[in-house]
Each structure stands twice: as C-alpha cells, then as structure tokens.
Amino acid sequence: MFNITNPKNVQLASLPQEKLFDYEEDFGQKQYHKCGRLGDKMEEMDGTLISTFLHGRTSKDQVLRIKSKQSLTSNQVLEAAQLLIDLKVTYLPLDKPWAANILTLDTVTEDKVHNLFLRKHYRTFTALIANFLPKIENLRTKEIREGIVQKPTTILKHFTMEEKVIDDKKHIKLNTV
C-alpha cells in the first residue's frame, strides 16, 4: 500500500494482501500464482484500487505491471506509473529487469520525437529508437524493444516525412509545414 497523501512524498505504507485478483478466472495464470508473488497496492486519489504485480513465468522474464479495476492500460494505471517515474521512486529497485516496463511506459512522446528531429534532421529509424531504449543494458529485453518500436511508428504517421538514402541506409526527415 502506498501512502500518496502528499504526491511529492510517496511512501510505502504496508505490504499487500496475499491475493488481490481472482486467479480462478484465468486458469492459465492460476498455475503460476505463488503466495507473495504480487507486489504492492495503493489507493488512487479517486479511490480506484491500483495494484502492482510481477508478470512472467520465470524471474528472468518478469516485468512489473500495474493494474486497476478496469485494465492494465487504463488512465489510472498510466497515471500511477507516471507518478512512480516522475517522483523517481527509490524504494523500487528500478535496475531490475522487471522494472523496465515502468521505466518505458511514457518515454516516447510526439514532442520528444519531434525534438530529436529538430536537433538532427536526417535519422535512421534504428537511431531514433536507440534514444528511447533503457540505458541499463540488461533492461533492453525483446518485449521492451518491441513496445518502444511501436510507439514511434505510430507517432511518425502523424508527420509528413521525406526519405533519403545515405551510405546505403534509409534515413527519414520530418517536413515542417
């Protein structure tokens, strides 16, 4: 349970209950549930229950996920994750592979992509993606890379682009209107 009475001083108040979700509803996950596997929980300011849990079959594959009553990607979940990122929460070991999901949730934005092209007009898509990968090498999992690739791809569809081949590599440039 997180105490977020003061959003500038979020504190871990207590450990979670043994079971937060009904694993009976998803037989595939039930077999992997272990007591204590779920992470912390917190009440959002509007009273929505926000929970964190480790998702993955082995400890190497586990990533920290956040869930609300609605879903894994509801606005409440994204706001809770952003709160953890913005406050640079120190009680979560963010250098662990399972924390990579929190670190990369909202790192790719339209403004950031646009600003990168303002600094250097022509870029390869690979060079663009490299700007958003976690700095810690062991956090660059396949799942994280795939998630990061999808966001700039979607963002770039909103821009008018010009393509140019430089040194046998396709480079893109955003056209300013």
Protein backbone atom coordinates (compact mmCIF):
# COMPACT_ATOMS: atom_id res chain seq x y z
CA MET A 1 0.00 0.00 0.00
CA PHE A 2 1.38 3.38 -0.95
CA ASN A 3 0.63 6.49 1.08
CA ILE A 4 0.16 9.22 -1.52
CA THR A 5 -1.48 11.83 0.69
CA ASN A 6 1.36 14.12 -0.32
CA PRO A 7 2.17 13.37 -4.00
CA LYS A 8 5.65 14.85 -3.53
CA ASN A 9 6.43 12.39 -0.73
CA VAL A 10 5.04 8.98 -1.71
CA GLN A 11 5.81 6.33 0.90
CA LEU A 12 5.46 2.57 1.06
CA ALA A 13 2.97 2.15 3.90
CA SER A 14 2.38 -1.62 4.06
CA LEU A 15 2.76 -4.89 2.21
CA PRO A 16 -0.12 -6.17 0.05
CA GLN A 17 -2.71 -8.73 0.91
CA GLU A 18 -1.86 -12.28 -0.10
CA LYS A 19 -4.28 -12.28 -3.04
CA LEU A 20 -5.67 -9.25 -4.88
CA PHE A 21 -7.17 -10.77 -8.02
CA ASP A 22 -9.27 -13.84 -8.69
CA TYR A 23 -6.83 -16.16 -10.42
CA GLU A 24 -9.69 -18.65 -10.88
CA GLU A 25 -10.89 -16.55 -13.83
CA ASP A 26 -7.72 -17.26 -15.81
CA PHE A 27 -6.71 -20.90 -15.45
CA GLY A 28 -3.53 -20.33 -17.46
CA GLN A 29 -2.18 -17.93 -14.84
CA LYS A 30 -3.50 -19.81 -11.81
CA GLN A 31 -0.82 -22.47 -12.08
CA TYR A 32 1.92 -19.81 -11.85
CA HIS A 33 0.48 -17.96 -8.85
CA LYS A 34 2.57 -18.19 -5.70
CA CYS A 35 1.88 -16.61 -2.35
CA GLY A 36 3.67 -13.28 -2.18
CA ARG A 37 4.22 -13.04 -5.93
CA LEU A 38 2.03 -9.98 -6.22
CA GLY A 39 3.56 -6.62 -5.46
CA ASP A 40 2.28 -3.58 -3.64
CA LYS A 41 -1.10 -1.93 -3.92
CA MET A 42 -2.26 1.61 -3.49
CA GLU A 43 -5.44 3.66 -3.47
CA GLU A 44 -5.56 6.29 -6.20
CA MET A 45 -6.82 9.72 -5.10
CA ASP A 46 -10.26 8.91 -6.54
CA GLY A 47 -10.41 5.64 -4.59
CA THR A 48 -9.59 3.37 -7.54
CA LEU A 49 -7.59 0.33 -6.49
CA ILE A 50 -4.20 0.24 -8.20
CA SER A 51 -2.08 -2.89 -7.84
CA THR A 52 1.39 -3.82 -8.96
CA PHE A 53 2.40 -7.38 -9.68
CA LEU A 54 5.24 -9.27 -11.28
CA HIS A 55 4.24 -10.86 -14.59
CA GLY A 56 6.31 -13.62 -16.15
CA ARG A 57 6.86 -17.33 -15.75
CA THR A 58 10.47 -17.14 -14.63
CA SER A 59 12.18 -14.48 -12.54
CA LYS A 60 14.29 -13.57 -15.58
CA ASP A 61 11.17 -12.86 -17.67
CA GLN A 62 9.21 -10.98 -15.01
CA VAL A 63 8.21 -7.36 -15.54
CA LEU A 64 6.44 -5.10 -13.10
CA ARG A 65 2.85 -4.46 -14.22
CA ILE A 66 0.26 -2.12 -12.81
CA LYS A 67 -3.44 -2.96 -12.85
CA SER A 68 -6.60 -1.12 -11.91
CA LYS A 69 -10.15 -2.41 -11.70
CA GLN A 70 -10.56 -1.54 -15.37
CA SER A 71 -7.43 -2.90 -17.04
CA LEU A 72 -3.67 -2.93 -17.41
CA THR A 73 -3.78 0.16 -19.63
CA SER A 74 -6.46 2.35 -18.07
CA ASN A 75 -5.81 6.04 -17.44
CA GLN A 76 -5.47 5.30 -13.72
CA VAL A 77 -2.75 2.74 -14.42
CA LEU A 78 -0.81 5.09 -16.69
CA GLU A 79 -1.11 7.91 -14.14
CA ALA A 80 0.11 5.65 -11.32
CA ALA A 81 3.07 4.50 -13.41
CA GLN A 82 3.88 8.08 -14.37
CA LEU A 83 3.72 9.08 -10.70
CA LEU A 84 6.34 6.45 -9.89
CA ILE A 85 8.54 7.63 -12.76
CA ASP A 86 8.17 11.36 -12.07
CA LEU A 87 8.94 11.03 -8.38
CA LYS A 88 11.93 8.80 -9.13
CA VAL A 89 10.67 6.36 -6.53
CA THR A 90 13.70 4.99 -4.73
CA TYR A 91 12.14 2.07 -2.89
CA LEU A 92 11.51 0.19 -6.14
CA PRO A 93 14.68 -1.45 -7.49
CA LEU A 94 14.45 0.16 -10.94
CA ASP A 95 17.68 -1.51 -12.06
CA LYS A 96 15.95 -4.92 -12.10
CA PRO A 97 14.71 -6.35 -15.42
CA TRP A 98 11.11 -6.46 -14.21
CA ALA A 99 11.14 -2.69 -13.65
CA ALA A 100 11.81 -1.96 -17.32
CA ASN A 101 8.07 -1.82 -18.05
CA ILE A 102 7.64 1.11 -15.66
CA LEU A 103 10.72 2.88 -16.99
CA THR A 104 9.49 2.88 -20.58
CA LEU A 105 5.76 3.45 -20.26
CA ASP A 106 5.65 7.08 -21.29
CA THR A 107 9.14 7.78 -22.57
CA VAL A 108 8.15 8.01 -26.25
CA THR A 109 6.04 11.08 -26.95
CA GLU A 110 5.29 13.09 -30.08
CA ASP A 111 7.16 16.08 -28.66
CA LYS A 112 10.28 14.03 -27.91
CA VAL A 113 10.31 12.51 -31.40
CA HIS A 114 9.85 15.95 -32.98
CA ASN A 115 12.63 17.48 -30.82
CA LEU A 116 15.06 14.74 -31.83
CA PHE A 117 14.49 15.59 -35.49
CA LEU A 118 15.00 19.29 -34.75
CA ARG A 119 18.49 18.51 -33.43
CA LYS A 120 19.48 16.24 -36.31
CA HIS A 121 17.30 16.43 -39.41
CA TYR A 122 18.04 13.05 -41.01
CA ARG A 123 17.91 9.92 -38.86
CA THR A 124 17.61 6.22 -39.39
CA PHE A 125 14.69 4.61 -37.61
CA THR A 126 17.17 2.48 -35.62
CA ALA A 127 18.96 5.62 -34.38
CA LEU A 128 15.61 7.11 -33.40
CA ILE A 129 14.66 4.02 -31.37
CA ALA A 130 18.06 3.98 -29.62
CA ASN A 131 17.15 7.29 -27.95
CA PHE A 132 14.30 5.63 -26.07
CA LEU A 133 15.87 2.33 -25.01
CA PRO A 134 16.71 1.93 -21.31
CA LYS A 135 20.29 2.95 -20.52
CA ILE A 136 20.92 -0.22 -18.50
CA GLU A 137 21.84 -2.95 -20.98
CA ASN A 138 20.07 -5.85 -19.22
CA LEU A 139 16.77 -3.91 -19.33
CA ARG A 140 16.77 -3.95 -23.14
CA THR A 141 14.61 -7.05 -23.37
CA LYS A 142 12.88 -8.12 -26.58
CA GLU A 143 9.49 -7.17 -25.11
CA ILE A 144 10.69 -3.66 -24.20
CA ARG A 145 12.30 -3.12 -27.62
CA GLU A 146 9.13 -4.22 -29.43
CA GLY A 147 6.99 -1.94 -27.27
CA ILE A 148 9.25 1.02 -27.90
CA VAL A 149 9.34 0.41 -31.68
CA GLN A 150 5.54 0.53 -31.92
CA LYS A 151 5.17 3.99 -30.36
CA PRO A 152 7.46 5.98 -32.73
CA THR A 153 6.00 4.10 -35.68
CA THR A 154 2.54 5.32 -34.69
CA ILE A 155 3.78 8.83 -33.92
CA LEU A 156 5.61 9.18 -37.25
CA LYS A 157 2.35 8.51 -39.11
CA HIS A 158 1.18 11.93 -37.90
CA PHE A 159 4.08 13.71 -39.62
CA THR A 160 4.89 14.33 -43.26
CA MET A 161 8.26 12.69 -43.89
CA GLU A 162 10.93 12.76 -46.53
CA GLU A 163 13.12 9.70 -47.14
CA LYS A 164 16.72 9.80 -48.29
CA VAL A 165 19.36 7.07 -48.72
CA ILE A 166 22.69 7.96 -47.10
CA ASP A 167 25.50 5.38 -47.07
CA ASP A 168 23.09 2.65 -48.22
CA LYS A 169 20.79 3.27 -45.24
CA LYS A 170 17.32 4.76 -45.42
CA HIS A 171 17.09 7.98 -43.40
CA ILE A 172 13.95 9.92 -42.63
CA LYS A 173 13.40 13.64 -42.15
CA LEU A 174 10.30 15.37 -40.84
CA ASN A 175 8.97 18.04 -43.18
CA THR A 176 7.94 21.20 -41.42
CA VAL A 177 4.82 22.80 -42.78
